[in-house]
C-alpha atoms as a PDB file:
ATOM      1  CA  MET A   1     294.396 164.744  91.875  1.00  0.00           C
ATOM      2  CA  LEU A   2     295.167 166.989  88.910  1.00  0.00           C
ATOM      3  CA  VAL A   3     295.652 163.986  86.610  1.00  0.00           C
ATOM      4  CA  ILE A   4     292.337 162.510  87.693  1.00  0.00           C
ATOM      5  CA  THR A   5     290.588 165.841  87.125  1.00  0.00           C
ATOM      6  CA  VAL A   6     292.029 166.157  83.618  1.00  0.00           C
ATOM      7  CA  LEU A   7     291.095 162.553  82.792  1.00  0.00           C
ATOM      8  CA  LEU A   8     287.594 163.119  84.132  1.00  0.00           C
ATOM      9  CA  VAL A   9     287.126 166.189  81.924  1.00  0.00           C
ATOM     10  CA  VAL A  10     288.450 164.296  78.883  1.00  0.00           C
ATOM     11  CA  PHE A  11     286.165 161.306  79.544  1.00  0.00           C
ATOM     12  CA  ILE A  12     283.099 163.533  80.017  1.00  0.00           C
ATOM     13  CA  PHE A  13     283.863 165.457  76.822  1.00  0.00           C
ATOM     14  CA  THR A  14     284.364 162.161  74.956  1.00  0.00           C
ATOM     15  CA  PHE A  15     281.089 160.811  76.358  1.00  0.00           C
ATOM     16  CA  LYS A  16     279.118 163.860  75.240  1.00  0.00           C
ATOM     17  CA  SER A  17     280.616 163.932  71.757  1.00  0.00           C
ATOM     18  CA  LEU A  18     280.212 160.165  71.275  1.00  0.00           C
ATOM     19  CA  ALA A  19     276.592 160.275  72.434  1.00  0.00           C
ATOM     20  CA  SER A  20     275.790 163.124  70.045  1.00  0.00           C
ATOM     21  CA  TYR A  21     277.524 161.280  67.179  1.00  0.00           C
ATOM     22  CA  ILE A  22     275.564 158.084  67.882  1.00  0.00           C
ATOM     23  CA  LYS A  23     272.340 160.140  67.885  1.00  0.00           C
ATOM     24  CA  LYS A  24     273.212 161.596  64.458  1.00  0.00           C
ATOM     25  CA  ILE A  25     274.159 158.426  62.572  1.00  0.00           C
ATOM     26  CA  ARG A  26     271.415 156.234  61.193  1.00  0.00           C
ATOM     27  CA  THR A  27     271.686 152.596  60.175  1.00  0.00           C
ATOM     28  CA  GLY A  28     268.290 152.330  58.532  1.00  0.00           C
ATOM     29  CA  ASP A  29     266.685 150.406  61.383  1.00  0.00           C
ATOM     30  CA  PRO A  30     263.148 151.753  61.972  1.00  0.00           C
ATOM     31  CA  ASN A  31     263.412 151.158  65.727  1.00  0.00           C
ATOM     32  CA  GLU A  32     266.283 153.554  66.435  1.00  0.00           C
ATOM     33  CA  SER A  33     265.653 157.125  67.526  1.00  0.00           C
ATOM     34  CA  ASP A  34     267.288 159.896  69.558  1.00  0.00           C
ATOM     35  CA  ILE A  35     265.821 158.400  72.724  1.00  0.00           C
ATOM     36  CA  THR A  36     267.149 154.872  72.111  1.00  0.00           C
ATOM     37  CA  TYR A  37     270.687 155.841  71.076  1.00  0.00           C
ATOM     38  CA  TRP A  38     272.217 153.951  74.025  1.00  0.00           C
ATOM     39  CA  MET A  39     270.616 150.595  73.125  1.00  0.00           C
ATOM     40  CA  PHE A  40     272.322 147.876  71.125  1.00  0.00           C
ATOM     41  CA  SER A  41     270.611 146.955  67.840  1.00  0.00           C
ATOM     42  CA  TYR A  42     269.672 143.498  69.120  1.00  0.00           C
ATOM     43  CA  ASP A  43     267.813 144.997  72.111  1.00  0.00           C
ATOM     44  CA  PHE A  44     264.886 145.925  69.860  1.00  0.00           C
ATOM     45  CA  LYS A  45     262.109 143.384  69.472  1.00  0.00           C
ATOM     46  CA  SER A  46     261.239 142.364  65.955  1.00  0.00           C
ATOM     47  CA  PRO A  47     257.602 143.056  64.981  1.00  0.00           C
ATOM     48  CA  ASN A  48     257.349 140.018  62.728  1.00  0.00           C
ATOM     49  CA  LYS A  49     257.412 136.440  63.934  1.00  0.00           C
ATOM     50  CA  ASP A  50     259.173 135.060  60.854  1.00  0.00           C
ATOM     51  CA  TRP A  51     262.918 135.476  60.625  1.00  0.00           C
ATOM     52  CA  VAL A  52     263.985 137.374  57.548  1.00  0.00           C
ATOM     53  CA  PRO A  53     267.712 137.810  56.911  1.00  0.00           C
ATOM     54  CA  GLU A  54     268.826 141.424  56.781  1.00  0.00           C
ATOM     55  CA  ASN A  55     270.926 143.138  54.158  1.00  0.00           C
ATOM     56  CA  LYS A  56     274.703 142.789  54.687  1.00  0.00           C
ATOM     57  CA  ASN A  57     275.148 146.555  54.426  1.00  0.00           C
ATOM     58  CA  LEU A  58     272.569 147.091  57.191  1.00  0.00           C
ATOM     59  CA  LEU A  59     274.271 144.454  59.350  1.00  0.00           C
ATOM     60  CA  ALA A  60     277.653 146.170  58.908  1.00  0.00           C
ATOM     61  CA  LYS A  61     276.149 149.527  59.929  1.00  0.00           C
ATOM     62  CA  LYS A  62     274.479 147.939  62.951  1.00  0.00           C
ATOM     63  CA  ARG A  63     277.737 146.260  63.955  1.00  0.00           C
ATOM     64  CA  ALA A  64     279.614 149.581  63.737  1.00  0.00           C
ATOM     65  CA  ARG A  65     276.911 151.341  65.760  1.00  0.00           C
ATOM     66  CA  ASN A  66     276.939 148.557  68.367  1.00  0.00           C
ATOM     67  CA  PHE A  67     280.712 148.993  68.700  1.00  0.00           C
ATOM     68  CA  LEU A  68     280.247 152.730  69.319  1.00  0.00           C
ATOM     69  CA  VAL A  69     277.572 152.017  71.943  1.00  0.00           C
ATOM     70  CA  PHE A  70     279.964 149.555  73.620  1.00  0.00           C
ATOM     71  CA  ILE A  71     282.658 152.251  73.700  1.00  0.00           C
ATOM     72  CA  LEU A  72     280.062 154.625  75.194  1.00  0.00           C
ATOM     73  CA  TYR A  73     279.364 152.102  77.967  1.00  0.00           C
ATOM     74  CA  LEU A  74     283.084 151.685  78.647  1.00  0.00           C
ATOM     75  CA  ASN A  75     283.444 155.443  78.779  1.00  0.00           C
ATOM     76  CA  ALA A  76     280.564 155.712  81.277  1.00  0.00           C
ATOM     77  CA  PHE A  77     282.229 153.049  83.443  1.00  0.00           C
ATOM     78  CA  GLY A  78     285.515 154.964  83.268  1.00  0.00           C
ATOM     79  CA  ILE A  79     283.737 158.164  84.333  1.00  0.00           C
ATOM     80  CA  PHE A  80     282.240 156.282  87.266  1.00  0.00           C
ATOM     81  CA  LEU A  81     285.662 155.015  88.384  1.00  0.00           C
ATOM     82  CA  LEU A  82     287.350 158.392  87.922  1.00  0.00           C
ATOM     83  CA  LEU A  83     284.573 160.188  89.792  1.00  0.00           C
ATOM     84  CA  ASN A  84     284.935 157.763  92.699  1.00  0.00           C
ATOM     85  CA  SER A  85     288.706 158.275  92.729  1.00  0.00           C
ATOM     86  CA  PHE A  86     288.293 162.049  92.567  1.00  0.00           C
ATOM     87  CA  THR A  87     285.840 161.956  95.473  1.00  0.00           C
ATOM     88  CA  ALA A  88     288.229 159.804  97.529  1.00  0.00           C
ATOM     89  CA  HIS A  89     291.128 162.194  96.884  1.00  0.00           C
ATOM     90  CA  LEU A  90     288.936 165.190  97.722  1.00  0.00           C
ATOM     91  CA  LEU A  91     287.749 163.633 100.984  1.00  0.00           C
ATOM     92  CA  ASN A  92     291.332 162.684 101.856  1.00  0.00           C
ATOM     93  CA  PHE A  93     292.392 166.289 101.277  1.00  0.00           C
ATOM     94  CA  ILE A  94     289.540 167.580 103.461  1.00  0.00           C
ATOM     95  CA  VAL A  95     290.373 165.215 106.320  1.00  0.00           C
ATOM     96  CA  ASN A  96     294.158 165.513 106.030  1.00  0.00           C
ATOM     97  CA  PRO A  97     295.034 168.889 104.446  1.00  0.00           C
ATOM     98  CA  GLU A  98     298.822 168.494 104.508  1.00  0.00           C
ATOM     99  CA  PHE A  99     300.499 168.161 101.120  1.00  0.00           C
ATOM    100  CA  SER A 100     301.293 164.671  99.870  1.00  0.00           C
ATOM    101  CA  TYR A 101     302.082 163.333  96.448  1.00  0.00           C
ATOM    102  CA  PRO A 102     299.216 161.282  94.978  1.00  0.00           C
ATOM    103  CA  VAL A 103     299.901 157.670  94.172  1.00  0.00           C
END
């Protein structure tokens, strides 16, 4: 249970720092803001109907930001799994308080 607690703290700290870093960086896309930091760059609707190719530098920045958002999603999923495991261990300890080594 101690390992799960430490991992949970590390994942939460990583989530908070990654979210604040994603909020700070800017790719140059007019649609991104502090509220939409969790969205991928292709989730935004284009205001114009005609397709205009974007600058390669802007595409590289968007790709890097999308990778960070993907890592943020993986981190959130890991927090979900660790929180479920922590809750299961805690409930097991409440029901059966005798000492046993966690598996």
